[in-house]
Amino acid sequence: MTIEALRPPPTGVLGHVLRTRDFLMRWPVVPVVVLVVLVLMAILAPVISRHDPLAGNLRERLAPPLGAEGGSANHVFGSDHVGRDVFSRVAHGSRVSLMVAVVALVTGTVVGTLLGLIAGYFGGILDEVIMRIVDIWFAFPFLMIALLIAAVVGQGVWTIMGLLALLVWSSYVRYIRAEVLTLRERDYVSLARVAGASTPRILIKHLLPGVTNTVVVVATLRAGQLVLAEASLSFLGAGIPPPTPTLGSMIADGRDYLRDAWWISVYPGITIFLMVMSLNFLGDWLRDRIDPRLRQL
């Protein structure tokens, strides 16, 4: 037992501060609170928005946000160059971004996990083919391919969902395959084969539960990447077409007004930053909590 362990815990204000710090370091309170606020803002966008995000009023164009000189509570985040309320557009844009990211994440997770299970369990030529496809896909410049597909196929919600699903599926294959290569040699898998269990049953009932933790961690870490990718494509004009508000397109709309109307781009940028950072912090915490090797550090 060390000397530090024998010392009584600090009391008073210092002890409260230290206990609060330990609690915040042990649990992702701040990222979860930020993420919950953003998700609620996106879900309740039609309720909390005082203005139509698509309706403009030229008499109120470039109105400053609340707290700035000339600002008012009528436009909390100000208005853009055609008089549209920035807060309403941020709330509805967050809704669109989260919806697109969730659908793409679920699709990519299912495809990537299935291919990872197949590659790790069967091995051989099938494993080699799947992993070489993954290697080739990682070598492609995603942004250029996305711009080309958007130009050929056309912009739309389903197009951007498909592009984002193509971005994320390959990340799962390598992680899941590495886990399955170890799990397939376990005794309970061998006993399932001897008992006559079919291959789909072994994959779903015996191997999939063993890689669930890895799937959750990868999904959390990739969710922020999808939000950022959707915003980047919208900023470049290859995302969801107007008039649907998206965070990336709002930043693009305000880049010509950064000197006089900074709020058009700044508030959507802050929303993207908070969304991505909270998802990344939550993913890091899950990885540290789930991985037994990291829990012992």
C-alpha atoms as a PDB file:
ATOM      1  CA  MET A   1       0.000   0.000   0.000  1.00  0.00           C
ATOM      2  CA  THR A   2       1.411   3.390  -0.989  1.00  0.00           C
ATOM      3  CA  ILE A   3       1.610   6.506   1.159  1.00  0.00           C
ATOM      4  CA  GLU A   4      -0.961   8.231  -1.074  1.00  0.00           C
ATOM      5  CA  ALA A   5      -3.465   5.461  -0.364  1.00  0.00           C
ATOM      6  CA  LEU A   6      -3.084   6.014   3.413  1.00  0.00           C
ATOM      7  CA  ARG A   7      -3.781   9.725   3.194  1.00  0.00           C
ATOM      8  CA  PRO A   8      -7.355  10.797   3.958  1.00  0.00           C
ATOM      9  CA  PRO A   9      -9.305  12.115   0.969  1.00  0.00           C
ATOM     10  CA  PRO A  10      -9.421  15.929   0.655  1.00  0.00           C
ATOM     11  CA  THR A  11     -12.449  17.642   2.140  1.00  0.00           C
ATOM     12  CA  GLY A  12     -14.177  20.943   1.565  1.00  0.00           C
ATOM     13  CA  VAL A  13     -14.081  22.810  -1.703  1.00  0.00           C
ATOM     14  CA  LEU A  14     -10.891  21.060  -2.872  1.00  0.00           C
ATOM     15  CA  GLY A  15     -12.363  17.626  -2.263  1.00  0.00           C
ATOM     16  CA  HIS A  16     -15.536  18.561  -4.119  1.00  0.00           C
ATOM     17  CA  VAL A  17     -13.507  19.847  -7.073  1.00  0.00           C
ATOM     18  CA  LEU A  18     -11.378  16.698  -7.172  1.00  0.00           C
ATOM     19  CA  ARG A  19     -14.411  14.416  -6.958  1.00  0.00           C
ATOM     20  CA  THR A  20     -16.122  16.361  -9.743  1.00  0.00           C
ATOM     21  CA  ARG A  21     -13.001  16.114 -11.880  1.00  0.00           C
ATOM     22  CA  ASP A  22     -12.748  12.355 -11.327  1.00  0.00           C
ATOM     23  CA  PHE A  23     -16.432  11.933 -12.178  1.00  0.00           C
ATOM     24  CA  LEU A  24     -16.084  13.948 -15.396  1.00  0.00           C
ATOM     25  CA  MET A  25     -12.978  11.967 -16.362  1.00  0.00           C
ATOM     26  CA  ARG A  26     -14.671   8.635 -15.659  1.00  0.00           C
ATOM     27  CA  TRP A  27     -17.949   9.392 -17.445  1.00  0.00           C
ATOM     28  CA  PRO A  28     -18.477  11.358 -20.700  1.00  0.00           C
ATOM     29  CA  VAL A  29     -20.888  13.829 -19.136  1.00  0.00           C
ATOM     30  CA  VAL A  30     -20.038  16.875 -21.239  1.00  0.00           C
ATOM     31  CA  PRO A  31     -20.043  15.096 -24.647  1.00  0.00           C
ATOM     32  CA  VAL A  32     -23.309  13.332 -23.836  1.00  0.00           C
ATOM     33  CA  VAL A  33     -24.989  16.550 -22.686  1.00  0.00           C
ATOM     34  CA  VAL A  34     -23.845  18.401 -25.825  1.00  0.00           C
ATOM     35  CA  LEU A  35     -24.959  15.541 -28.068  1.00  0.00           C
ATOM     36  CA  VAL A  36     -28.354  15.251 -26.348  1.00  0.00           C
ATOM     37  CA  VAL A  37     -28.949  18.999 -26.728  1.00  0.00           C
ATOM     38  CA  LEU A  38     -28.071  18.882 -30.433  1.00  0.00           C
ATOM     39  CA  VAL A  39     -30.226  15.794 -31.057  1.00  0.00           C
ATOM     40  CA  LEU A  40     -33.176  17.350 -29.225  1.00  0.00           C
ATOM     41  CA  MET A  41     -32.722  20.550 -31.209  1.00  0.00           C
ATOM     42  CA  ALA A  42     -32.798  18.516 -34.429  1.00  0.00           C
ATOM     43  CA  ILE A  43     -35.820  16.415 -33.421  1.00  0.00           C
ATOM     44  CA  LEU A  44     -37.810  19.376 -32.096  1.00  0.00           C
ATOM     45  CA  ALA A  45     -36.794  21.724 -34.907  1.00  0.00           C
ATOM     46  CA  PRO A  46     -40.389  22.285 -36.143  1.00  0.00           C
ATOM     47  CA  VAL A  47     -41.477  23.097 -32.579  1.00  0.00           C
ATOM     48  CA  ILE A  48     -38.670  25.373 -31.391  1.00  0.00           C
ATOM     49  CA  SER A  49     -38.245  27.267 -34.675  1.00  0.00           C
ATOM     50  CA  ARG A  50     -40.075  30.586 -34.690  1.00  0.00           C
ATOM     51  CA  HIS A  51     -39.601  31.091 -38.423  1.00  0.00           C
ATOM     52  CA  ASP A  52     -39.903  29.034 -41.578  1.00  0.00           C
ATOM     53  CA  PRO A  53     -36.331  28.010 -42.523  1.00  0.00           C
ATOM     54  CA  LEU A  54     -37.158  28.452 -46.225  1.00  0.00           C
ATOM     55  CA  ALA A  55     -39.054  31.741 -46.025  1.00  0.00           C
ATOM     56  CA  GLY A  56     -37.051  34.924 -46.500  1.00  0.00           C
ATOM     57  CA  ASN A  57     -37.860  38.503 -45.629  1.00  0.00           C
ATOM     58  CA  LEU A  58     -35.719  41.057 -47.444  1.00  0.00           C
ATOM     59  CA  ARG A  59     -36.682  43.722 -44.930  1.00  0.00           C
ATOM     60  CA  GLU A  60     -34.855  41.727 -42.241  1.00  0.00           C
ATOM     61  CA  ARG A  61     -31.857  40.579 -44.288  1.00  0.00           C
ATOM     62  CA  LEU A  62     -28.504  40.412 -42.474  1.00  0.00           C
ATOM     63  CA  ALA A  63     -30.147  41.107 -39.099  1.00  0.00           C
ATOM     64  CA  PRO A  64     -27.514  40.732 -36.316  1.00  0.00           C
ATOM     65  CA  PRO A  65     -27.882  37.965 -33.723  1.00  0.00           C
ATOM     66  CA  LEU A  66     -29.022  38.487 -30.157  1.00  0.00           C
ATOM     67  CA  GLY A  67     -26.243  40.097 -28.124  1.00  0.00           C
ATOM     68  CA  ALA A  68     -24.684  41.914 -31.058  1.00  0.00           C
ATOM     69  CA  GLU A  69     -25.241  45.573 -31.783  1.00  0.00           C
ATOM     70  CA  GLY A  70     -28.688  45.956 -33.309  1.00  0.00           C
ATOM     71  CA  GLY A  71     -29.647  42.351 -32.564  1.00  0.00           C
ATOM     72  CA  SER A  72     -32.992  41.224 -31.182  1.00  0.00           C
ATOM     73  CA  ALA A  73     -34.696  38.128 -29.836  1.00  0.00           C
ATOM     74  CA  ASN A  74     -36.701  37.852 -33.057  1.00  0.00           C
ATOM     75  CA  HIS A  75     -33.611  36.366 -34.721  1.00  0.00           C
ATOM     76  CA  VAL A  76     -31.502  34.737 -31.999  1.00  0.00           C
ATOM     77  CA  PHE A  77     -28.754  33.723 -34.445  1.00  0.00           C
ATOM     78  CA  GLY A  78     -29.458  36.578 -36.842  1.00  0.00           C
ATOM     79  CA  SER A  79     -30.667  36.283 -40.430  1.00  0.00           C
ATOM     80  CA  ASP A  80     -28.910  35.554 -43.703  1.00  0.00           C
ATOM     81  CA  HIS A  81     -28.555  37.524 -46.926  1.00  0.00           C
ATOM     82  CA  VAL A  82     -32.151  36.867 -48.012  1.00  0.00           C
ATOM     83  CA  GLY A  83     -33.719  37.360 -44.588  1.00  0.00           C
ATOM     84  CA  ARG A  84     -34.028  33.715 -43.504  1.00  0.00           C
ATOM     85  CA  ASP A  85     -33.703  32.976 -39.791  1.00  0.00           C
ATOM     86  CA  VAL A  86     -30.318  31.370 -39.094  1.00  0.00           C
ATOM     87  CA  PHE A  87     -31.419  29.545 -35.921  1.00  0.00           C
ATOM     88  CA  SER A  88     -34.327  27.878 -37.729  1.00  0.00           C
ATOM     89  CA  ARG A  89     -32.023  26.851 -40.551  1.00  0.00           C
ATOM     90  CA  VAL A  90     -29.397  25.508 -38.113  1.00  0.00           C
ATOM     91  CA  ALA A  91     -32.033  23.438 -36.280  1.00  0.00           C
ATOM     92  CA  HIS A  92     -33.504  21.990 -39.486  1.00  0.00           C
ATOM     93  CA  GLY A  93     -30.033  21.584 -41.011  1.00  0.00           C
ATOM     94  CA  SER A  94     -28.905  19.582 -37.983  1.00  0.00           C
ATOM     95  CA  ARG A  95     -31.957  17.393 -38.443  1.00  0.00           C
ATOM     96  CA  VAL A  96     -31.072  16.693 -42.067  1.00  0.00           C
ATOM     97  CA  SER A  97     -27.395  16.063 -41.281  1.00  0.00           C
ATOM     98  CA  LEU A  98     -28.168  13.635 -38.441  1.00  0.00           C
ATOM     99  CA  MET A  99     -30.799  11.785 -40.473  1.00  0.00           C
ATOM    100  CA  VAL A 100     -28.442  11.321 -43.414  1.00  0.00           C
ATOM    101  CA  ALA A 101     -25.566  10.278 -41.146  1.00  0.00           C
ATOM    102  CA  VAL A 102     -27.675   7.747 -39.200  1.00  0.00           C
ATOM    103  CA  VAL A 103     -29.090   6.057 -42.320  1.00  0.00           C
ATOM    104  CA  ALA A 104     -25.665   5.905 -43.958  1.00  0.00           C
ATOM    105  CA  LEU A 105     -24.087   4.638 -40.738  1.00  0.00           C
ATOM    106  CA  VAL A 106     -26.632   1.841 -40.310  1.00  0.00           C
ATOM    107  CA  THR A 107     -26.257   0.773 -43.940  1.00  0.00           C
ATOM    108  CA  GLY A 108     -22.465   0.842 -43.827  1.00  0.00           C
ATOM    109  CA  THR A 109     -22.434  -0.973 -40.485  1.00  0.00           C
ATOM    110  CA  VAL A 110     -24.586  -3.843 -41.740  1.00  0.00           C
ATOM    111  CA  VAL A 111     -22.596  -4.283 -44.971  1.00  0.00           C
ATOM    112  CA  GLY A 112     -19.161  -3.892 -43.350  1.00  0.00           C
ATOM    113  CA  THR A 113     -19.956  -6.186 -40.415  1.00  0.00           C
ATOM    114  CA  LEU A 114     -21.348  -8.899 -42.696  1.00  0.00           C
ATOM    115  CA  LEU A 115     -18.297  -8.813 -44.971  1.00  0.00           C
ATOM    116  CA  GLY A 116     -15.971  -8.822 -41.966  1.00  0.00           C
ATOM    117  CA  LEU A 117     -17.700 -11.890 -40.517  1.00  0.00           C
ATOM    118  CA  ILE A 118     -17.538 -13.723 -43.844  1.00  0.00           C
ATOM    119  CA  ALA A 119     -13.881 -12.841 -44.478  1.00  0.00           C
ATOM    120  CA  GLY A 120     -12.765 -13.822 -40.991  1.00  0.00           C
ATOM    121  CA  TYR A 121     -14.776 -17.023 -40.737  1.00  0.00           C
ATOM    122  CA  PHE A 122     -14.183 -18.569 -44.162  1.00  0.00           C
ATOM    123  CA  GLY A 123     -10.674 -17.280 -44.854  1.00  0.00           C
ATOM    124  CA  GLY A 124      -8.872 -18.527 -47.949  1.00  0.00           C
ATOM    125  CA  ILE A 125      -9.645 -17.081 -51.352  1.00  0.00           C
ATOM    126  CA  LEU A 126     -12.849 -15.396 -50.175  1.00  0.00           C
ATOM    127  CA  ASP A 127     -10.976 -13.578 -47.432  1.00  0.00           C
ATOM    128  CA  GLU A 128      -8.254 -12.542 -49.875  1.00  0.00           C
ATOM    129  CA  VAL A 129     -10.765 -11.157 -52.378  1.00  0.00           C
ATOM    130  CA  ILE A 130     -12.700  -9.171 -49.772  1.00  0.00           C
ATOM    131  CA  MET A 131      -9.586  -7.684 -48.186  1.00  0.00           C
ATOM    132  CA  ARG A 132      -8.078  -6.720 -51.553  1.00  0.00           C
ATOM    133  CA  ILE A 133     -11.339  -4.939 -52.422  1.00  0.00           C
ATOM    134  CA  VAL A 134     -11.074  -3.084 -49.112  1.00  0.00           C
ATOM    135  CA  ASP A 135      -7.461  -2.131 -49.832  1.00  0.00           C
ATOM    136  CA  ILE A 136      -8.388  -0.864 -53.293  1.00  0.00           C
ATOM    137  CA  TRP A 137     -11.321   1.109 -51.879  1.00  0.00           C
ATOM    138  CA  PHE A 138      -9.092   2.790 -49.296  1.00  0.00           C
ATOM    139  CA  ALA A 139      -6.824   3.927 -52.137  1.00  0.00           C
ATOM    140  CA  PHE A 140      -9.641   5.779 -53.931  1.00  0.00           C
ATOM    141  CA  PRO A 141      -9.970   9.536 -53.262  1.00  0.00           C
ATOM    142  CA  PHE A 142     -13.472   9.610 -51.794  1.00  0.00           C
ATOM    143  CA  LEU A 143     -14.083  13.311 -52.317  1.00  0.00           C
ATOM    144  CA  MET A 144     -13.324  13.171 -56.034  1.00  0.00           C
ATOM    145  CA  ILE A 145     -15.499  10.074 -56.494  1.00  0.00           C
ATOM    146  CA  ALA A 146     -18.344  11.715 -54.573  1.00  0.00           C
ATOM    147  CA  LEU A 147     -18.177  14.826 -56.721  1.00  0.00           C
ATOM    148  CA  LEU A 148     -18.151  12.709 -59.899  1.00  0.00           C
ATOM    149  CA  ILE A 149     -21.119  10.563 -58.812  1.00  0.00           C
ATOM    150  CA  ALA A 150     -23.091  13.623 -57.725  1.00  0.00           C
ATOM    151  CA  ALA A 151     -22.434  15.252 -61.101  1.00  0.00           C
ATOM    152  CA  VAL A 152     -23.425  12.128 -63.073  1.00  0.00           C
ATOM    153  CA  VAL A 153     -26.293  10.746 -60.987  1.00  0.00           C
ATOM    154  CA  GLY A 154     -27.541  14.048 -59.619  1.00  0.00           C
ATOM    155  CA  GLN A 155     -27.836  15.520 -56.159  1.00  0.00           C
ATOM    156  CA  GLY A 156     -30.339  14.225 -53.652  1.00  0.00           C
ATOM    157  CA  VAL A 157     -30.840  12.780 -50.199  1.00  0.00           C
ATOM    158  CA  TRP A 158     -30.527   9.161 -51.349  1.00  0.00           C
ATOM    159  CA  THR A 159     -27.420   9.941 -53.365  1.00  0.00           C
ATOM    160  CA  ILE A 160     -25.629  11.456 -50.390  1.00  0.00           C
ATOM    161  CA  MET A 161     -26.750   8.569 -48.150  1.00  0.00           C
ATOM    162  CA  GLY A 162     -25.300   6.061 -50.596  1.00  0.00           C
ATOM    163  CA  LEU A 163     -22.036   7.985 -50.867  1.00  0.00           C
ATOM    164  CA  LEU A 164     -21.636   8.160 -47.112  1.00  0.00           C
ATOM    165  CA  ALA A 165     -22.427   4.450 -46.760  1.00  0.00           C
ATOM    166  CA  LEU A 166     -19.669   3.741 -49.286  1.00  0.00           C
ATOM    167  CA  LEU A 167     -17.333   5.849 -47.180  1.00  0.00           C
ATOM    168  CA  VAL A 168     -17.880   3.991 -43.918  1.00  0.00           C
ATOM    169  CA  TRP A 169     -18.396   0.292 -44.751  1.00  0.00           C
ATOM    170  CA  SER A 170     -14.731  -0.533 -45.337  1.00  0.00           C
ATOM    171  CA  SER A 171     -13.715   0.610 -41.853  1.00  0.00           C
ATOM    172  CA  TYR A 172     -15.692  -2.216 -40.262  1.00  0.00           C
ATOM    173  CA  VAL A 173     -14.290  -5.027 -42.406  1.00  0.00           C
ATOM    174  CA  ARG A 174     -10.747  -4.913 -41.069  1.00  0.00           C
ATOM    175  CA  TYR A 175     -11.731  -4.635 -37.405  1.00  0.00           C
ATOM    176  CA  ILE A 176     -14.421  -7.310 -37.553  1.00  0.00           C
ATOM    177  CA  ARG A 177     -12.232  -9.691 -39.576  1.00  0.00           C
ATOM    178  CA  ALA A 178      -9.411  -9.413 -37.023  1.00  0.00           C
ATOM    179  CA  GLU A 179     -11.818 -10.236 -34.179  1.00  0.00           C
ATOM    180  CA  VAL A 180     -13.403 -13.176 -36.020  1.00  0.00           C
ATOM    181  CA  LEU A 181     -10.004 -14.713 -36.848  1.00  0.00           C
ATOM    182  CA  THR A 182      -9.534 -15.153 -33.093  1.00  0.00           C
ATOM    183  CA  LEU A 183     -13.119 -16.048 -32.179  1.00  0.00           C
ATOM    184  CA  ARG A 184     -13.480 -18.821 -34.791  1.00  0.00           C
ATOM    185  CA  GLU A 185     -10.815 -20.868 -32.986  1.00  0.00           C
ATOM    186  CA  ARG A 186     -12.670 -20.782 -29.662  1.00  0.00           C
ATOM    187  CA  ASP A 187     -14.068 -23.993 -28.229  1.00  0.00           C
ATOM    188  CA  TYR A 188     -17.718 -22.897 -28.329  1.00  0.00           C
ATOM    189  CA  VAL A 189     -17.474 -22.290 -32.075  1.00  0.00           C
ATOM    190  CA  SER A 190     -15.887 -25.698 -32.625  1.00  0.00           C
ATOM    191  CA  LEU A 191     -18.593 -27.329 -30.501  1.00  0.00           C
ATOM    192  CA  ALA A 192     -21.257 -25.565 -32.561  1.00  0.00           C
ATOM    193  CA  ARG A 193     -19.765 -27.031 -35.746  1.00  0.00           C
ATOM    194  CA  VAL A 194     -19.666 -30.510 -34.212  1.00  0.00           C
ATOM    195  CA  ALA A 195     -23.286 -30.135 -33.088  1.00  0.00           C
ATOM    196  CA  GLY A 196     -24.278 -29.509 -36.706  1.00  0.00           C
ATOM    197  CA  ALA A 197     -25.021 -25.781 -36.499  1.00  0.00           C
ATOM    198  CA  SER A 198     -25.349 -24.140 -39.889  1.00  0.00           C
ATOM    199  CA  THR A 199     -22.940 -21.473 -41.031  1.00  0.00           C
ATOM    200  CA  PRO A 200     -25.483 -18.614 -40.775  1.00  0.00           C
ATOM    201  CA  ARG A 201     -26.312 -19.704 -37.223  1.00  0.00           C
ATOM    202  CA  ILE A 202     -22.639 -19.750 -36.231  1.00  0.00           C
ATOM    203  CA  LEU A 203     -22.083 -16.308 -37.739  1.00  0.00           C
ATOM    204  CA  ILE A 204     -25.153 -14.724 -36.152  1.00  0.00           C
ATOM    205  CA  LYS A 205     -25.552 -16.593 -32.863  1.00  0.00           C
ATOM    206  CA  HIS A 206     -21.924 -17.264 -31.916  1.00  0.00           C
ATOM    207  CA  LEU A 207     -19.600 -14.830 -33.693  1.00  0.00           C
ATOM    208  CA  LEU A 208     -21.694 -11.678 -34.010  1.00  0.00           C
ATOM    209  CA  PRO A 209     -22.182 -11.223 -30.223  1.00  0.00           C
ATOM    210  CA  GLY A 210     -18.418 -11.431 -29.809  1.00  0.00           C
ATOM    211  CA  VAL A 211     -17.800  -8.490 -32.143  1.00  0.00           C
ATOM    212  CA  THR A 212     -20.721  -6.315 -31.020  1.00  0.00           C
ATOM    213  CA  ASN A 213     -18.521  -4.163 -28.792  1.00  0.00           C
ATOM    214  CA  THR A 214     -16.155  -3.497 -31.682  1.00  0.00           C
ATOM    215  CA  VAL A 215     -19.075  -2.598 -33.963  1.00  0.00           C
ATOM    216  CA  VAL A 216     -20.422  -0.098 -31.417  1.00  0.00           C
ATOM    217  CA  VAL A 217     -17.030   1.574 -30.967  1.00  0.00           C
ATOM    218  CA  VAL A 218     -16.344   1.839 -34.698  1.00  0.00           C
ATOM    219  CA  ALA A 219     -19.852   3.174 -35.335  1.00  0.00           C
ATOM    220  CA  THR A 220     -19.443   5.886 -32.708  1.00  0.00           C
ATOM    221  CA  LEU A 221     -16.054   6.932 -34.043  1.00  0.00           C
ATOM    222  CA  ARG A 222     -17.274   6.978 -37.654  1.00  0.00           C
ATOM    223  CA  ALA A 223     -20.481   8.920 -36.921  1.00  0.00           C
ATOM    224  CA  GLY A 224     -18.572  12.174 -36.565  1.00  0.00           C
ATOM    225  CA  GLN A 225     -16.716  11.450 -39.796  1.00  0.00           C
ATOM    226  CA  LEU A 226     -20.018  11.043 -41.629  1.00  0.00           C
ATOM    227  CA  VAL A 227     -21.394  14.332 -40.290  1.00  0.00           C
ATOM    228  CA  LEU A 228     -18.216  16.092 -41.404  1.00  0.00           C
ATOM    229  CA  ALA A 229     -18.272  14.381 -44.822  1.00  0.00           C
ATOM    230  CA  GLU A 230     -21.891  15.381 -45.426  1.00  0.00           C
ATOM    231  CA  ALA A 231     -21.107  18.974 -44.465  1.00  0.00           C
ATOM    232  CA  SER A 232     -18.075  18.990 -46.772  1.00  0.00           C
ATOM    233  CA  LEU A 233     -20.059  17.703 -49.744  1.00  0.00           C
ATOM    234  CA  SER A 234     -22.837  20.233 -49.098  1.00  0.00           C
ATOM    235  CA  PHE A 235     -20.266  23.011 -48.836  1.00  0.00           C
ATOM    236  CA  LEU A 236     -18.834  22.025 -52.229  1.00  0.00           C
ATOM    237  CA  GLY A 237     -22.285  21.912 -53.789  1.00  0.00           C
ATOM    238  CA  ALA A 238     -22.400  18.126 -54.172  1.00  0.00           C
ATOM    239  CA  GLY A 239     -24.668  17.389 -51.229  1.00  0.00           C
ATOM    240  CA  ILE A 240     -28.381  17.823 -50.707  1.00  0.00           C
ATOM    241  CA  PRO A 241     -29.610  20.472 -53.167  1.00  0.00           C
ATOM    242  CA  PRO A 242     -31.342  23.692 -52.089  1.00  0.00           C
ATOM    243  CA  PRO A 243     -33.715  24.821 -50.756  1.00  0.00           C
ATOM    244  CA  THR A 244     -33.270  22.082 -48.120  1.00  0.00           C
ATOM    245  CA  PRO A 245     -31.115  23.628 -45.369  1.00  0.00           C
ATOM    246  CA  THR A 246     -27.910  21.787 -44.468  1.00  0.00           C
ATOM    247  CA  LEU A 247     -25.080  22.921 -42.233  1.00  0.00           C
ATOM    248  CA  GLY A 248     -22.476  22.715 -44.981  1.00  0.00           C
ATOM    249  CA  SER A 249     -24.527  24.695 -47.488  1.00  0.00           C
ATOM    250  CA  MET A 250     -25.201  27.376 -44.856  1.00  0.00           C
ATOM    251  CA  ILE A 251     -21.465  27.848 -44.371  1.00  0.00           C
ATOM    252  CA  ALA A 252     -21.077  28.124 -48.145  1.00  0.00           C
ATOM    253  CA  ASP A 253     -23.881  30.718 -48.294  1.00  0.00           C
ATOM    254  CA  GLY A 254     -22.182  32.917 -45.724  1.00  0.00           C
ATOM    255  CA  ARG A 255     -18.606  32.813 -47.001  1.00  0.00           C
ATOM    256  CA  ASP A 256     -19.154  35.991 -49.029  1.00  0.00           C
ATOM    257  CA  TYR A 257     -20.463  37.827 -45.943  1.00  0.00           C
ATOM    258  CA  LEU A 258     -17.869  36.865 -43.332  1.00  0.00           C
ATOM    259  CA  ARG A 259     -16.764  40.451 -42.784  1.00  0.00           C
ATOM    260  CA  ASP A 260     -20.198  42.014 -42.220  1.00  0.00           C
ATOM    261  CA  ALA A 261     -22.446  39.032 -41.386  1.00  0.00           C
ATOM    262  CA  TRP A 262     -20.197  36.434 -39.771  1.00  0.00           C
ATOM    263  CA  TRP A 263     -23.103  34.699 -38.025  1.00  0.00           C
ATOM    264  CA  ILE A 264     -24.365  33.133 -41.260  1.00  0.00           C
ATOM    265  CA  SER A 265     -21.367  30.785 -41.357  1.00  0.00           C
ATOM    266  CA  VAL A 266     -20.150  30.800 -37.752  1.00  0.00           C
ATOM    267  CA  TYR A 267     -23.209  29.303 -36.058  1.00  0.00           C
ATOM    268  CA  PRO A 268     -23.513  26.336 -38.468  1.00  0.00           C
ATOM    269  CA  GLY A 269     -19.739  25.824 -38.132  1.00  0.00           C
ATOM    270  CA  ILE A 270     -19.985  25.770 -34.331  1.00  0.00           C
ATOM    271  CA  THR A 271     -22.834  23.247 -34.577  1.00  0.00           C
ATOM    272  CA  ILE A 272     -20.752  20.940 -36.772  1.00  0.00           C
ATOM    273  CA  PHE A 273     -17.772  21.317 -34.446  1.00  0.00           C
ATOM    274  CA  LEU A 274     -19.784  20.449 -31.324  1.00  0.00           C
ATOM    275  CA  MET A 275     -21.506  17.524 -33.032  1.00  0.00           C
ATOM    276  CA  VAL A 276     -18.304  15.955 -34.344  1.00  0.00           C
ATOM    277  CA  MET A 277     -16.272  16.541 -31.185  1.00  0.00           C
ATOM    278  CA  SER A 278     -18.946  15.103 -28.884  1.00  0.00           C
ATOM    279  CA  LEU A 279     -19.234  11.987 -31.065  1.00  0.00           C
ATOM    280  CA  ASN A 280     -15.443  11.568 -31.135  1.00  0.00           C
ATOM    281  CA  PHE A 281     -15.118  11.965 -27.368  1.00  0.00           C
ATOM    282  CA  LEU A 282     -17.959   9.486 -26.813  1.00  0.00           C
ATOM    283  CA  GLY A 283     -16.299   7.003 -29.168  1.00  0.00           C
ATOM    284  CA  ASP A 284     -12.959   7.329 -27.376  1.00  0.00           C
ATOM    285  CA  TRP A 285     -14.660   6.761 -24.031  1.00  0.00           C
ATOM    286  CA  LEU A 286     -16.472   3.679 -25.297  1.00  0.00           C
ATOM    287  CA  ARG A 287     -13.237   2.278 -26.699  1.00  0.00           C
ATOM    288  CA  ASP A 288     -11.471   2.796 -23.366  1.00  0.00           C
ATOM    289  CA  ARG A 289     -14.342   1.243 -21.407  1.00  0.00           C
ATOM    290  CA  ILE A 290     -14.948  -1.741 -23.675  1.00  0.00           C
ATOM    291  CA  ASP A 291     -11.352  -2.755 -24.437  1.00  0.00           C
ATOM    292  CA  PRO A 292     -10.094  -4.706 -21.353  1.00  0.00           C
ATOM    293  CA  ARG A 293      -6.493  -3.836 -22.195  1.00  0.00           C
ATOM    294  CA  LEU A 294      -7.233  -0.110 -22.011  1.00  0.00           C
ATOM    295  CA  ARG A 295      -9.297  -0.460 -18.806  1.00  0.00           C
ATOM    296  CA  GLN A 296      -6.184  -1.614 -16.968  1.00  0.00           C
ATOM    297  CA  LEU A 297      -4.137   1.475 -17.899  1.00  0.00           C
END
